[in-house]
Amino acid sequence: MSGIAIVDERFCFEEETHLTVHKTSVFFPGDGFIVYDPKGELILRFDSYGPDSQPKDELVLMEASGKCLLTLLRKKPSLHQRWEGYLGEKMEDQEPIFSVCRSSIIGRSSVVAHVFGEPSEEYRIEGSFSQRCCTIYNASSSKERVAKIKRKVDPLNNVTLGKDVFLLCLEPGFDGAFAMGLVLILDQMYGDDDDYIMPEVDPTPEDSSS
């Protein structure tokens, strides 16, 4: 697939890339996210200041230096948990670049992301985020898989790591910053709720590569 920057072209990698995501915080364990590239370098982060684990209405995805890449706002009231994404720090009257919500189609439990612009794109997320096993598809391109969230396996002893460490696997050219923005929204929607599953998951068996 060709690389199209939705948030930032620096995170559109030419080859398939597995980012390692840690759900953590320098202040309170389990209260933020840090993202490493395959070389182990920190490239993205989300800090949540304070021990409050209640749902948040504004999330800010930053690059390693702390510069804001993406602002995510929860729309209220919203039956389908609608979120909107804005480039950088949101300014007054700024238009969103994408929106995310639970599917409103009866019988479907996927999450849908609409990317605005020319051309517009639609992405669907299916599977179980709480189990770190879900797939992001480009619904505008014959359900082409563009990214996958899966558990990370320790290559030394072949043991699956806990859910606080997982992989964000990007197909060539897919914007990793946009994908991580979706991860932040999924975490707010579902967290570690093991009872909620988006059932239309990719049937391809998971591999253990990292």
C-alpha atoms as a PDB file:
ATOM      1  CA  MET A   1       0.000   0.000   0.000  1.00  0.00           C
ATOM      2  CA  SER A   2       1.166   3.543  -0.591  1.00  0.00           C
ATOM      3  CA  GLY A   3       2.083   5.712   2.358  1.00  0.00           C
ATOM      4  CA  ILE A   4      -0.497   8.372   3.171  1.00  0.00           C
ATOM      5  CA  ALA A   5       0.229  10.578   6.176  1.00  0.00           C
ATOM      6  CA  ILE A   6      -2.917  11.146   8.203  1.00  0.00           C
ATOM      7  CA  VAL A   7      -1.090  12.659  11.194  1.00  0.00           C
ATOM      8  CA  ASP A   8       2.636  12.782  10.348  1.00  0.00           C
ATOM      9  CA  GLU A   9       4.622  11.294   7.440  1.00  0.00           C
ATOM     10  CA  ARG A  10       7.570  10.546   9.762  1.00  0.00           C
ATOM     11  CA  PHE A  11       5.570   7.639  11.139  1.00  0.00           C
ATOM     12  CA  CYS A  12       4.778   6.130   7.715  1.00  0.00           C
ATOM     13  CA  PHE A  13       7.405   3.388   7.433  1.00  0.00           C
ATOM     14  CA  GLU A  14       8.414   1.886   4.079  1.00  0.00           C
ATOM     15  CA  GLU A  15       8.489  -1.662   5.439  1.00  0.00           C
ATOM     16  CA  GLU A  16       6.219  -3.614   7.771  1.00  0.00           C
ATOM     17  CA  THR A  17       7.068  -2.283  11.232  1.00  0.00           C
ATOM     18  CA  HIS A  18       6.322  -3.629  14.707  1.00  0.00           C
ATOM     19  CA  LEU A  19       6.144  -0.935  17.379  1.00  0.00           C
ATOM     20  CA  THR A  20       6.318  -1.972  21.027  1.00  0.00           C
ATOM     21  CA  VAL A  21       3.720  -0.261  23.213  1.00  0.00           C
ATOM     22  CA  HIS A  22       4.013  -0.074  27.009  1.00  0.00           C
ATOM     23  CA  LYS A  23       0.992   0.950  29.037  1.00  0.00           C
ATOM     24  CA  THR A  24       2.702   2.785  31.857  1.00  0.00           C
ATOM     25  CA  SER A  25       3.570   6.216  33.269  1.00  0.00           C
ATOM     26  CA  VAL A  26       6.489   7.940  34.922  1.00  0.00           C
ATOM     27  CA  PHE A  27       4.077   9.044  37.640  1.00  0.00           C
ATOM     28  CA  PHE A  28       1.487   6.298  38.143  1.00  0.00           C
ATOM     29  CA  PRO A  29       1.812   2.716  36.789  1.00  0.00           C
ATOM     30  CA  GLY A  30      -0.693   1.888  34.070  1.00  0.00           C
ATOM     31  CA  ASP A  31      -1.601   5.532  33.524  1.00  0.00           C
ATOM     32  CA  GLY A  32       0.034   6.326  30.201  1.00  0.00           C
ATOM     33  CA  PHE A  33       1.595   4.877  27.041  1.00  0.00           C
ATOM     34  CA  ILE A  34       5.096   4.905  25.603  1.00  0.00           C
ATOM     35  CA  VAL A  35       5.906   3.586  22.135  1.00  0.00           C
ATOM     36  CA  TYR A  36       9.248   2.255  20.897  1.00  0.00           C
ATOM     37  CA  ASP A  37      10.407   1.577  17.358  1.00  0.00           C
ATOM     38  CA  PRO A  38      12.105  -1.746  16.438  1.00  0.00           C
ATOM     39  CA  LYS A  39      15.500  -0.279  17.462  1.00  0.00           C
ATOM     40  CA  GLY A  40      14.209   0.414  20.978  1.00  0.00           C
ATOM     41  CA  GLU A  41      14.042   4.186  20.536  1.00  0.00           C
ATOM     42  CA  LEU A  42      11.143   6.107  22.101  1.00  0.00           C
ATOM     43  CA  ILE A  43       9.057   7.688  19.330  1.00  0.00           C
ATOM     44  CA  LEU A  44       5.579   8.375  20.784  1.00  0.00           C
ATOM     45  CA  ARG A  45       4.070   8.863  24.208  1.00  0.00           C
ATOM     46  CA  PHE A  46       0.901   9.706  26.069  1.00  0.00           C
ATOM     47  CA  ASP A  47       1.111  10.984  29.633  1.00  0.00           C
ATOM     48  CA  SER A  48      -1.854  11.160  31.971  1.00  0.00           C
ATOM     49  CA  TYR A  49      -1.018  13.251  34.998  1.00  0.00           C
ATOM     50  CA  GLY A  50      -2.695  11.910  38.111  1.00  0.00           C
ATOM     51  CA  PRO A  51      -3.919   8.587  39.521  1.00  0.00           C
ATOM     52  CA  ASP A  52      -7.512   9.078  38.341  1.00  0.00           C
ATOM     53  CA  SER A  53      -8.393   6.106  36.124  1.00  0.00           C
ATOM     54  CA  GLN A  54     -11.831   7.425  35.170  1.00  0.00           C
ATOM     55  CA  PRO A  55     -12.631   7.973  31.464  1.00  0.00           C
ATOM     56  CA  LYS A  56     -11.007  11.107  30.062  1.00  0.00           C
ATOM     57  CA  ASP A  57     -12.491  13.560  27.573  1.00  0.00           C
ATOM     58  CA  GLU A  58      -9.230  14.863  26.078  1.00  0.00           C
ATOM     59  CA  LEU A  59      -6.116  12.889  25.129  1.00  0.00           C
ATOM     60  CA  VAL A  60      -2.867  14.262  23.707  1.00  0.00           C
ATOM     61  CA  LEU A  61      -0.479  12.072  21.712  1.00  0.00           C
ATOM     62  CA  MET A  62       3.064  13.458  21.731  1.00  0.00           C
ATOM     63  CA  GLU A  63       6.304  12.713  19.961  1.00  0.00           C
ATOM     64  CA  ALA A  64       9.340  11.759  22.063  1.00  0.00           C
ATOM     65  CA  SER A  65      10.324  15.394  22.702  1.00  0.00           C
ATOM     66  CA  GLY A  66       6.888  16.195  24.151  1.00  0.00           C
ATOM     67  CA  LYS A  67       5.569  18.097  21.127  1.00  0.00           C
ATOM     68  CA  CYS A  68       1.845  17.540  20.601  1.00  0.00           C
ATOM     69  CA  LEU A  69       1.052  15.546  17.451  1.00  0.00           C
ATOM     70  CA  LEU A  70      -2.607  14.822  17.934  1.00  0.00           C
ATOM     71  CA  THR A  71      -5.448  15.952  20.203  1.00  0.00           C
ATOM     72  CA  LEU A  72      -8.346  13.546  20.755  1.00  0.00           C
ATOM     73  CA  LEU A  73     -11.655  14.840  22.124  1.00  0.00           C
ATOM     74  CA  ARG A  74     -14.637  12.816  23.320  1.00  0.00           C
ATOM     75  CA  LYS A  75     -17.919  14.212  21.981  1.00  0.00           C
ATOM     76  CA  LYS A  76     -20.771  14.513  24.484  1.00  0.00           C
ATOM     77  CA  PRO A  77     -23.444  13.353  24.591  1.00  0.00           C
ATOM     78  CA  SER A  78     -22.665  10.415  22.297  1.00  0.00           C
ATOM     79  CA  LEU A  79     -24.528   7.116  22.156  1.00  0.00           C
ATOM     80  CA  HIS A  80     -21.723   5.463  20.198  1.00  0.00           C
ATOM     81  CA  GLN A  81     -18.791   7.015  22.106  1.00  0.00           C
ATOM     82  CA  ARG A  82     -17.770   9.357  19.309  1.00  0.00           C
ATOM     83  CA  TRP A  83     -14.264  10.836  19.355  1.00  0.00           C
ATOM     84  CA  GLU A  84     -12.654  13.403  17.066  1.00  0.00           C
ATOM     85  CA  GLY A  85      -8.978  13.835  16.214  1.00  0.00           C
ATOM     86  CA  TYR A  86      -7.237  17.184  15.595  1.00  0.00           C
ATOM     87  CA  LEU A  87      -3.722  17.838  14.316  1.00  0.00           C
ATOM     88  CA  GLY A  88      -1.430  19.251  17.001  1.00  0.00           C
ATOM     89  CA  GLU A  89      -2.884  21.285  19.844  1.00  0.00           C
ATOM     90  CA  LYS A  90      -6.512  21.999  19.030  1.00  0.00           C
ATOM     91  CA  MET A  91      -7.220  25.626  18.220  1.00  0.00           C
ATOM     92  CA  GLU A  92     -10.554  27.420  18.306  1.00  0.00           C
ATOM     93  CA  ASP A  93     -12.707  26.646  15.230  1.00  0.00           C
ATOM     94  CA  GLN A  94     -10.210  24.002  14.068  1.00  0.00           C
ATOM     95  CA  GLU A  95     -11.777  21.191  12.038  1.00  0.00           C
ATOM     96  CA  PRO A  96     -11.099  17.540  12.960  1.00  0.00           C
ATOM     97  CA  ILE A  97      -9.125  15.325  10.588  1.00  0.00           C
ATOM     98  CA  PHE A  98     -10.946  12.144  11.619  1.00  0.00           C
ATOM     99  CA  SER A  99     -13.680  10.768  13.862  1.00  0.00           C
ATOM    100  CA  VAL A 100     -14.035   7.417  15.640  1.00  0.00           C
ATOM    101  CA  CYS A 101     -17.155   5.722  17.014  1.00  0.00           C
ATOM    102  CA  ARG A 102     -18.667   2.336  17.674  1.00  0.00           C
ATOM    103  CA  SER A 103     -20.525   0.970  14.678  1.00  0.00           C
ATOM    104  CA  SER A 104     -24.231   1.856  14.658  1.00  0.00           C
ATOM    105  CA  ILE A 105     -25.116  -1.102  12.406  1.00  0.00           C
ATOM    106  CA  ILE A 106     -27.222  -3.676  14.249  1.00  0.00           C
ATOM    107  CA  GLY A 107     -25.366  -6.948  14.664  1.00  0.00           C
ATOM    108  CA  ARG A 108     -21.913  -5.442  14.086  1.00  0.00           C
ATOM    109  CA  SER A 109     -19.589  -4.654  16.975  1.00  0.00           C
ATOM    110  CA  SER A 110     -16.701  -3.044  15.146  1.00  0.00           C
ATOM    111  CA  VAL A 111     -15.296   0.434  15.721  1.00  0.00           C
ATOM    112  CA  VAL A 112     -15.310   2.761  12.719  1.00  0.00           C
ATOM    113  CA  ALA A 113     -12.850   5.567  11.961  1.00  0.00           C
ATOM    114  CA  HIS A 114     -13.677   8.130   9.263  1.00  0.00           C
ATOM    115  CA  VAL A 115     -10.732  10.132   7.903  1.00  0.00           C
ATOM    116  CA  PHE A 116     -11.861  13.387   6.331  1.00  0.00           C
ATOM    117  CA  GLY A 117     -10.332  15.000   3.263  1.00  0.00           C
ATOM    118  CA  GLU A 118      -9.883  14.147  -0.393  1.00  0.00           C
ATOM    119  CA  PRO A 119     -10.171  11.274  -0.735  1.00  0.00           C
ATOM    120  CA  SER A 120     -11.881  10.344   2.513  1.00  0.00           C
ATOM    121  CA  GLU A 121     -11.158   6.945   4.048  1.00  0.00           C
ATOM    122  CA  GLU A 122     -13.023   4.585   6.341  1.00  0.00           C
ATOM    123  CA  TYR A 123     -11.271   2.153   8.692  1.00  0.00           C
ATOM    124  CA  ARG A 124     -12.789  -0.616  10.808  1.00  0.00           C
ATOM    125  CA  ILE A 125     -11.307  -2.126  13.952  1.00  0.00           C
ATOM    126  CA  GLU A 126     -12.383  -5.668  14.823  1.00  0.00           C
ATOM    127  CA  GLY A 127     -11.361  -8.073  17.560  1.00  0.00           C
ATOM    128  CA  SER A 128     -10.686  -7.663  21.294  1.00  0.00           C
ATOM    129  CA  PHE A 129      -8.602  -4.705  22.393  1.00  0.00           C
ATOM    130  CA  SER A 130      -8.806  -5.793  26.033  1.00  0.00           C
ATOM    131  CA  GLN A 131      -7.022  -9.004  25.003  1.00  0.00           C
ATOM    132  CA  ARG A 132      -4.668  -7.042  22.703  1.00  0.00           C
ATOM    133  CA  CYS A 133      -5.893  -8.997  19.687  1.00  0.00           C
ATOM    134  CA  CYS A 134      -7.558  -6.851  17.044  1.00  0.00           C
ATOM    135  CA  THR A 135      -7.104  -5.758  13.458  1.00  0.00           C
ATOM    136  CA  ILE A 136      -7.477  -2.414  11.664  1.00  0.00           C
ATOM    137  CA  TYR A 137      -8.836  -2.640   8.114  1.00  0.00           C
ATOM    138  CA  ASN A 138      -9.171  -0.071   5.363  1.00  0.00           C
ATOM    139  CA  ALA A 139     -12.875  -0.499   4.603  1.00  0.00           C
ATOM    140  CA  SER A 140     -12.508   1.816   1.594  1.00  0.00           C
ATOM    141  CA  SER A 141     -10.074  -0.615  -0.050  1.00  0.00           C
ATOM    142  CA  SER A 142     -11.684  -4.078  -0.076  1.00  0.00           C
ATOM    143  CA  LYS A 143     -11.022  -4.616   3.635  1.00  0.00           C
ATOM    144  CA  GLU A 144      -7.256  -4.341   3.297  1.00  0.00           C
ATOM    145  CA  ARG A 145      -5.492  -4.938   6.619  1.00  0.00           C
ATOM    146  CA  VAL A 146      -3.361  -1.932   7.564  1.00  0.00           C
ATOM    147  CA  ALA A 147      -2.420  -2.672  11.184  1.00  0.00           C
ATOM    148  CA  LYS A 148      -2.762  -5.247  13.935  1.00  0.00           C
ATOM    149  CA  ILE A 149      -2.620  -5.100  17.732  1.00  0.00           C
ATOM    150  CA  LYS A 150      -1.329  -8.300  19.312  1.00  0.00           C
ATOM    151  CA  ARG A 151       0.367  -9.622  22.426  1.00  0.00           C
ATOM    152  CA  LYS A 152       4.146  -9.543  22.477  1.00  0.00           C
ATOM    153  CA  VAL A 153       6.123 -12.755  22.896  1.00  0.00           C
ATOM    154  CA  ASP A 154       9.495 -12.772  24.660  1.00  0.00           C
ATOM    155  CA  PRO A 155      11.852 -14.227  22.014  1.00  0.00           C
ATOM    156  CA  LEU A 156      14.217 -15.670  24.656  1.00  0.00           C
ATOM    157  CA  ASN A 157      11.771 -17.968  26.406  1.00  0.00           C
ATOM    158  CA  ASN A 158       8.747 -17.862  24.037  1.00  0.00           C
ATOM    159  CA  VAL A 159       6.499 -16.569  26.832  1.00  0.00           C
ATOM    160  CA  THR A 160       3.625 -14.210  26.039  1.00  0.00           C
ATOM    161  CA  LEU A 161       4.049 -10.968  27.965  1.00  0.00           C
ATOM    162  CA  GLY A 162       1.312  -9.286  29.989  1.00  0.00           C
ATOM    163  CA  LYS A 163      -1.289  -7.006  28.399  1.00  0.00           C
ATOM    164  CA  ASP A 164       0.606  -3.884  29.464  1.00  0.00           C
ATOM    165  CA  VAL A 165       3.225  -4.663  26.786  1.00  0.00           C
ATOM    166  CA  PHE A 166       1.976  -5.324  23.265  1.00  0.00           C
ATOM    167  CA  LEU A 167       2.781  -4.855  19.589  1.00  0.00           C
ATOM    168  CA  LEU A 168       1.311  -2.372  17.134  1.00  0.00           C
ATOM    169  CA  CYS A 169       2.111  -3.985  13.773  1.00  0.00           C
ATOM    170  CA  LEU A 170       1.951  -1.589  10.824  1.00  0.00           C
ATOM    171  CA  GLU A 171       1.686  -2.533   7.182  1.00  0.00           C
ATOM    172  CA  PRO A 172       4.061  -0.565   4.887  1.00  0.00           C
ATOM    173  CA  GLY A 173       3.035   3.074   4.563  1.00  0.00           C
ATOM    174  CA  PHE A 174       0.338   3.129   7.258  1.00  0.00           C
ATOM    175  CA  ASP A 175       0.646   6.123   9.601  1.00  0.00           C
ATOM    176  CA  GLY A 176       1.834   4.854  12.998  1.00  0.00           C
ATOM    177  CA  ALA A 177       0.857   8.080  14.783  1.00  0.00           C
ATOM    178  CA  PHE A 178      -2.720   7.718  13.521  1.00  0.00           C
ATOM    179  CA  ALA A 179      -2.712   4.052  14.563  1.00  0.00           C
ATOM    180  CA  MET A 180      -1.523   4.985  18.063  1.00  0.00           C
ATOM    181  CA  GLY A 181      -4.270   7.595  18.273  1.00  0.00           C
ATOM    182  CA  LEU A 182      -6.746   4.773  17.622  1.00  0.00           C
ATOM    183  CA  VAL A 183      -5.096   2.739  20.399  1.00  0.00           C
ATOM    184  CA  LEU A 184      -5.640   5.583  22.883  1.00  0.00           C
ATOM    185  CA  ILE A 185      -9.317   5.786  21.925  1.00  0.00           C
ATOM    186  CA  LEU A 186      -9.774   1.998  22.143  1.00  0.00           C
ATOM    187  CA  ASP A 187      -8.234   2.078  25.612  1.00  0.00           C
ATOM    188  CA  GLN A 188     -10.815   4.654  26.691  1.00  0.00           C
ATOM    189  CA  MET A 189     -13.667   2.710  25.085  1.00  0.00           C
ATOM    190  CA  TYR A 190     -12.779  -0.751  26.357  1.00  0.00           C
ATOM    191  CA  GLY A 191      -9.754  -0.602  28.679  1.00  0.00           C
ATOM    192  CA  ASP A 192      -9.212  -4.104  30.074  1.00  0.00           C
ATOM    193  CA  ASP A 193     -12.872  -5.143  29.884  1.00  0.00           C
ATOM    194  CA  ASP A 194     -12.487  -8.831  29.036  1.00  0.00           C
ATOM    195  CA  ASP A 195     -16.226  -9.219  28.426  1.00  0.00           C
ATOM    196  CA  TYR A 196     -16.353  -7.011  25.341  1.00  0.00           C
ATOM    197  CA  ILE A 197     -15.267  -8.475  22.015  1.00  0.00           C
ATOM    198  CA  MET A 198     -15.557  -7.030  18.521  1.00  0.00           C
ATOM    199  CA  PRO A 199     -16.248 -10.442  16.955  1.00  0.00           C
ATOM    200  CA  GLU A 200     -15.292 -10.038  13.290  1.00  0.00           C
ATOM    201  CA  VAL A 201     -11.600 -10.656  13.884  1.00  0.00           C
ATOM    202  CA  ASP A 202      -9.068 -11.589  11.212  1.00  0.00           C
ATOM    203  CA  PRO A 203      -9.064 -15.415  11.066  1.00  0.00           C
ATOM    204  CA  THR A 204      -5.354 -15.574  10.216  1.00  0.00           C
ATOM    205  CA  PRO A 205      -3.482 -17.326  13.086  1.00  0.00           C
ATOM    206  CA  GLU A 206      -1.282 -15.066  15.167  1.00  0.00           C
ATOM    207  CA  ASP A 207       2.418 -15.545  14.709  1.00  0.00           C
ATOM    208  CA  SER A 208       4.892 -15.241  17.551  1.00  0.00           C
ATOM    209  CA  SER A 209       7.340 -12.894  15.850  1.00  0.00           C
ATOM    210  CA  SER A 210       8.201  -9.654  17.590  1.00  0.00           C
END
